N, C-alpha and C. Protein backbone atom coordinates (compact mmCIF):
# COMPACT_ATOMS: atom_id res chain seq x y z
N MET A 1 77.55 126.54 83.30
CA MET A 1 77.14 125.25 83.79
C MET A 1 75.82 125.42 84.54
N ILE A 2 74.94 124.45 84.38
CA ILE A 2 73.66 124.41 85.08
C ILE A 2 73.74 123.33 86.15
N TYR A 3 73.33 123.68 87.39
CA TYR A 3 73.30 122.74 88.50
C TYR A 3 71.86 122.55 88.91
N GLY A 4 71.45 121.30 89.08
CA GLY A 4 70.09 121.06 89.55
C GLY A 4 69.83 119.60 89.82
N SER A 5 68.71 119.35 90.49
CA SER A 5 68.29 117.98 90.76
C SER A 5 67.77 117.33 89.48
N LYS A 6 67.67 116.03 89.50
CA LYS A 6 67.15 115.29 88.36
C LYS A 6 65.77 115.81 87.96
N LEU A 7 64.88 115.92 88.92
CA LEU A 7 63.52 116.38 88.64
C LEU A 7 63.51 117.80 88.09
N TYR A 8 64.28 118.69 88.70
CA TYR A 8 64.33 120.08 88.25
C TYR A 8 64.86 120.17 86.82
N LEU A 9 65.92 119.45 86.54
CA LEU A 9 66.50 119.50 85.19
C LEU A 9 65.55 118.91 84.16
N GLU A 10 64.81 117.89 84.53
CA GLU A 10 63.86 117.27 83.58
C GLU A 10 62.62 118.12 83.35
N LYS A 11 62.17 118.83 84.38
CA LYS A 11 60.90 119.56 84.29
C LYS A 11 61.04 121.04 83.95
N ALA A 12 62.16 121.67 84.36
CA ALA A 12 62.25 123.13 84.25
C ALA A 12 63.18 123.62 83.14
N TRP A 13 64.10 122.79 82.68
CA TRP A 13 65.09 123.25 81.71
C TRP A 13 64.95 122.53 80.39
N ASP A 14 65.11 123.28 79.32
CA ASP A 14 65.26 122.71 77.98
C ASP A 14 66.65 123.12 77.54
N ASN A 15 67.64 122.50 78.14
CA ASN A 15 69.04 122.91 77.98
C ASN A 15 69.70 122.17 76.83
N LYS A 16 70.22 122.92 75.90
CA LYS A 16 71.00 122.33 74.82
C LYS A 16 72.33 123.05 74.67
N THR A 17 72.64 123.94 75.60
CA THR A 17 73.82 124.79 75.48
C THR A 17 74.86 124.55 76.56
N TYR A 18 74.43 124.45 77.80
CA TYR A 18 75.36 124.45 78.93
C TYR A 18 75.63 123.04 79.46
N PRO A 19 76.86 122.81 79.96
CA PRO A 19 77.12 121.54 80.65
C PRO A 19 76.27 121.45 81.91
N VAL A 20 75.96 120.24 82.32
CA VAL A 20 75.08 120.00 83.47
C VAL A 20 75.85 119.36 84.62
N TRP A 21 75.59 119.89 85.81
CA TRP A 21 76.03 119.29 87.07
C TRP A 21 74.78 118.74 87.72
N LEU A 22 74.62 117.45 87.67
CA LEU A 22 73.42 116.76 88.13
C LEU A 22 73.51 116.42 89.61
N ALA A 23 72.50 116.80 90.37
CA ALA A 23 72.38 116.40 91.77
C ALA A 23 71.29 115.33 91.84
N HIS A 24 71.71 114.08 91.96
CA HIS A 24 70.75 112.97 92.02
C HIS A 24 71.29 111.94 93.00
N TYR A 25 70.77 112.00 94.22
CA TYR A 25 71.24 111.11 95.28
C TYR A 25 70.63 109.73 95.10
N ILE A 26 71.49 108.72 95.17
CA ILE A 26 71.04 107.35 94.94
C ILE A 26 71.52 106.49 96.11
N PRO A 27 70.59 105.76 96.76
CA PRO A 27 71.00 104.87 97.86
C PRO A 27 72.03 103.84 97.38
N ASN A 28 72.97 103.53 98.22
CA ASN A 28 73.99 102.52 97.96
C ASN A 28 74.92 102.87 96.80
N TYR A 29 74.95 104.12 96.41
CA TYR A 29 75.91 104.61 95.41
C TYR A 29 75.94 103.77 94.14
N LYS A 30 74.82 103.61 93.51
CA LYS A 30 74.79 102.89 92.23
C LYS A 30 75.70 103.61 91.23
N ASP A 31 76.07 102.91 90.19
CA ASP A 31 77.06 103.46 89.27
C ASP A 31 76.48 104.33 88.16
N LYS A 32 75.16 104.51 88.12
CA LYS A 32 74.58 105.32 87.07
C LYS A 32 73.27 105.95 87.55
N SER A 33 73.07 107.18 87.15
CA SER A 33 71.82 107.87 87.43
C SER A 33 70.79 107.49 86.37
N SER A 34 69.53 107.59 86.70
CA SER A 34 68.47 107.34 85.72
C SER A 34 68.14 108.61 84.91
N TYR A 35 68.84 109.69 85.20
CA TYR A 35 68.67 110.92 84.42
C TYR A 35 69.11 110.64 82.99
N GLU A 36 68.28 110.95 82.02
CA GLU A 36 68.57 110.59 80.63
C GLU A 36 69.32 111.66 79.86
N GLY A 37 69.46 112.84 80.41
CA GLY A 37 70.21 113.89 79.73
C GLY A 37 71.71 113.70 79.92
N ASN A 38 72.48 114.52 79.23
CA ASN A 38 73.93 114.49 79.38
C ASN A 38 74.33 115.30 80.61
N TYR A 39 75.36 114.84 81.31
CA TYR A 39 75.89 115.59 82.46
C TYR A 39 77.38 115.35 82.56
N ILE A 40 78.08 116.39 83.01
CA ILE A 40 79.54 116.31 83.14
C ILE A 40 79.97 116.09 84.59
N LEU A 41 79.12 116.49 85.54
CA LEU A 41 79.34 116.28 86.97
C LEU A 41 78.10 115.63 87.56
N TRP A 42 78.33 114.69 88.47
CA TRP A 42 77.22 114.03 89.13
C TRP A 42 77.45 114.05 90.63
N GLN A 43 76.57 114.74 91.33
CA GLN A 43 76.57 114.76 92.80
C GLN A 43 75.65 113.64 93.24
N LEU A 44 76.25 112.53 93.73
CA LEU A 44 75.44 111.35 93.99
C LEU A 44 75.12 111.12 95.46
N ALA A 45 75.75 111.88 96.36
CA ALA A 45 75.47 111.70 97.79
C ALA A 45 75.95 112.92 98.57
N SER A 46 75.41 113.07 99.76
CA SER A 46 75.83 114.17 100.64
C SER A 46 76.37 113.64 101.96
N ASP A 47 76.66 112.35 102.01
CA ASP A 47 77.08 111.75 103.28
C ASP A 47 78.47 111.11 103.20
N GLY A 48 79.33 111.66 102.36
CA GLY A 48 80.70 111.16 102.27
C GLY A 48 81.51 111.52 103.51
N ILE A 49 82.54 110.74 103.78
CA ILE A 49 83.41 110.97 104.93
C ILE A 49 84.84 111.10 104.45
N ILE A 50 85.51 112.18 104.86
CA ILE A 50 86.90 112.44 104.52
C ILE A 50 87.68 112.66 105.82
N ASP A 51 88.78 111.95 105.99
CA ASP A 51 89.62 112.16 107.17
C ASP A 51 90.03 113.63 107.27
N GLY A 52 89.91 114.20 108.47
CA GLY A 52 90.30 115.58 108.69
C GLY A 52 89.19 116.59 108.51
N ILE A 53 88.04 116.16 108.01
CA ILE A 53 86.90 117.07 107.85
C ILE A 53 85.81 116.62 108.80
N ASN A 54 85.35 117.54 109.64
CA ASN A 54 84.25 117.24 110.56
C ASN A 54 82.93 117.33 109.81
N GLY A 55 82.12 116.32 109.90
CA GLY A 55 80.83 116.30 109.24
C GLY A 55 80.92 115.63 107.87
N TYR A 56 79.78 115.54 107.24
CA TYR A 56 79.69 114.88 105.94
C TYR A 56 80.05 115.83 104.81
N VAL A 57 80.47 115.24 103.69
CA VAL A 57 80.79 116.01 102.48
C VAL A 57 80.02 115.41 101.30
N ASP A 58 79.83 116.22 100.27
CA ASP A 58 79.19 115.73 99.05
C ASP A 58 80.15 114.80 98.32
N ILE A 59 79.58 113.83 97.62
CA ILE A 59 80.36 112.96 96.75
C ILE A 59 79.96 113.29 95.32
N ASP A 60 80.94 113.70 94.53
CA ASP A 60 80.71 114.10 93.15
C ASP A 60 81.65 113.33 92.23
N ILE A 61 81.17 113.03 91.04
CA ILE A 61 82.00 112.40 90.01
C ILE A 61 82.06 113.36 88.83
N TYR A 62 83.29 113.61 88.36
CA TYR A 62 83.52 114.47 87.20
C TYR A 62 83.87 113.59 86.02
N TYR A 63 83.11 113.71 84.95
CA TYR A 63 83.35 112.95 83.74
C TYR A 63 84.07 113.85 82.75
N LYS A 64 85.38 113.76 82.76
CA LYS A 64 86.21 114.62 81.91
C LYS A 64 86.03 114.23 80.45
N LYS A 65 85.88 115.24 79.63
CA LYS A 65 85.75 115.00 78.19
C LYS A 65 87.00 115.37 77.47
């Protein structure tokens, strides 16, 4: 699996082999990234709140195939 930001994945990788974990933070948690490649995981924010955890957590969506 390849992990990277939208810009990094668009500019540095010519990936046709590995699944992608996209890090693309979007204000107000929109339902879709503007990244045009395929991705199986999307890290859309780093300011999630979970009861019992001190501090913020990442918010990720897994698109199961």
